[in-house]
Amino acid sequence: MPGEAVVRKCAANLSAGRHPIIVTVYDMLAAADAFATAQGIADRLDVLDAEQFLVANLHELGGFRSDQRRVTIEALVDKYNEIVTAQETDPSLRISRD
């Protein structure tokens, strides 16, 4: 859920020369945009709907082949968890594959 702390982290990432992206559920898009506007970074921050982002990327990564969907999802979850482990302090952000 994008809140003020997430947007502050995005601002810090922008200052460090990175291009942060917030991926969130549809219902939170407006809130993320409002926090980004309040922080003065809305024009430099992309806020994307999670479902659309994931679907588009899974199709692309799987070469638009149905038989590659599960393999692609597992690889995506593994990579996401690697990034969370390396970059975040909150392990609850990881996705469980159980």
Protein backbone atom coordinates (compact mmCIF):
# COMPACT_ATOMS: atom_id res chain seq x y z
CA MET A 1 0.00 0.00 0.00
CA PRO A 2 1.61 3.26 -1.06
CA GLY A 3 1.82 5.70 1.78
CA GLU A 4 3.84 8.74 2.67
CA ALA A 5 6.89 6.67 3.68
CA VAL A 6 6.96 4.88 0.31
CA VAL A 7 6.75 8.16 -1.57
CA ARG A 8 9.53 9.66 0.58
CA LYS A 9 11.67 6.65 -0.35
CA CYS A 10 10.83 7.27 -4.01
CA ALA A 11 11.93 10.90 -3.61
CA ALA A 12 15.23 9.72 -2.13
CA ASN A 13 15.67 7.29 -5.01
CA LEU A 14 15.02 10.09 -7.51
CA SER A 15 17.69 12.19 -5.77
CA ALA A 16 20.08 9.26 -6.13
CA GLY A 17 19.50 9.15 -9.89
CA ARG A 18 17.13 6.19 -9.88
CA HIS A 19 13.71 5.97 -11.51
CA PRO A 20 11.28 4.54 -8.93
CA ILE A 21 8.00 2.96 -9.89
CA ILE A 22 5.11 2.30 -7.53
CA VAL A 23 3.11 -0.79 -8.43
CA THR A 24 -0.09 -0.98 -6.40
CA VAL A 25 -3.64 -2.24 -6.48
CA TYR A 26 -6.11 -0.26 -8.58
CA ASP A 27 -7.92 1.19 -5.56
CA MET A 28 -4.71 2.79 -4.31
CA LEU A 29 -3.61 4.48 -7.54
CA ALA A 30 -5.23 7.79 -6.60
CA ALA A 31 -3.71 7.72 -3.11
CA ALA A 32 -0.22 7.07 -4.48
CA ASP A 33 -0.64 9.91 -6.94
CA ALA A 34 -1.86 12.24 -4.17
CA PHE A 35 1.17 11.44 -1.96
CA ALA A 36 3.51 11.91 -4.94
CA THR A 37 1.88 15.25 -5.76
CA ALA A 38 2.21 16.39 -2.14
CA GLN A 39 5.89 15.40 -2.22
CA GLY A 40 6.38 17.29 -5.49
CA ILE A 41 7.50 14.25 -7.49
CA ALA A 42 4.34 13.17 -9.33
CA ASP A 43 5.77 14.22 -12.68
CA ARG A 44 8.89 12.06 -12.15
CA LEU A 45 7.27 8.96 -10.65
CA ASP A 46 5.31 6.24 -12.42
CA VAL A 47 2.37 4.71 -10.54
CA LEU A 48 1.06 1.51 -12.13
CA ASP A 49 -1.85 -0.83 -11.49
CA ALA A 50 -0.37 -4.10 -10.18
CA GLU A 51 -2.67 -6.44 -12.05
CA GLN A 52 -2.07 -4.83 -15.43
CA PHE A 53 1.67 -4.54 -14.77
CA LEU A 54 1.99 -8.20 -13.83
CA VAL A 55 -0.17 -9.53 -16.66
CA ALA A 56 1.70 -7.53 -19.30
CA ASN A 57 5.09 -8.58 -17.96
CA LEU A 58 4.16 -12.23 -17.57
CA HIS A 59 2.98 -12.40 -21.16
CA GLU A 60 6.14 -10.73 -22.39
CA LEU A 61 8.51 -12.81 -20.26
CA GLY A 62 6.76 -16.01 -21.26
CA GLY A 63 7.11 -15.18 -24.94
CA PHE A 64 3.30 -14.95 -25.11
CA ARG A 65 3.14 -18.77 -24.74
CA SER A 66 0.55 -20.28 -22.37
CA ASP A 67 2.77 -23.25 -21.54
CA GLN A 68 5.41 -20.89 -20.09
CA ARG A 69 3.07 -19.05 -17.74
CA ARG A 70 3.81 -21.04 -14.55
CA VAL A 71 7.56 -21.11 -15.14
CA THR A 72 7.53 -17.38 -15.76
CA ILE A 73 5.49 -16.66 -12.63
CA GLU A 74 7.83 -18.73 -10.46
CA ALA A 75 10.88 -16.98 -11.90
CA LEU A 76 9.26 -13.59 -11.34
CA VAL A 77 8.43 -14.37 -7.71
CA ASP A 78 11.97 -15.62 -7.10
CA LYS A 79 13.50 -12.46 -8.59
CA TYR A 80 11.11 -10.23 -6.64
CA ASN A 81 12.05 -11.99 -3.41
CA GLU A 82 15.75 -11.56 -4.21
CA ILE A 83 15.23 -7.83 -4.65
CA VAL A 84 13.23 -7.55 -1.43
CA THR A 85 15.91 -9.46 0.48
CA ALA A 86 18.67 -7.23 -0.90
CA GLN A 87 16.90 -3.86 -0.70
CA GLU A 88 14.22 -3.89 1.97
CA THR A 89 14.35 -4.19 5.74
CA ASP A 90 10.85 -5.70 6.05
CA PRO A 91 10.88 -9.42 5.16
CA SER A 92 7.06 -9.48 5.18
CA LEU A 93 7.25 -7.89 1.71
CA ARG A 94 8.42 -11.22 0.31
CA ILE A 95 5.99 -13.47 -1.56
CA SER A 96 5.58 -17.00 -0.21
CA ARG A 97 5.50 -19.80 -2.81
CA ASP A 98 3.93 -22.30 -0.41
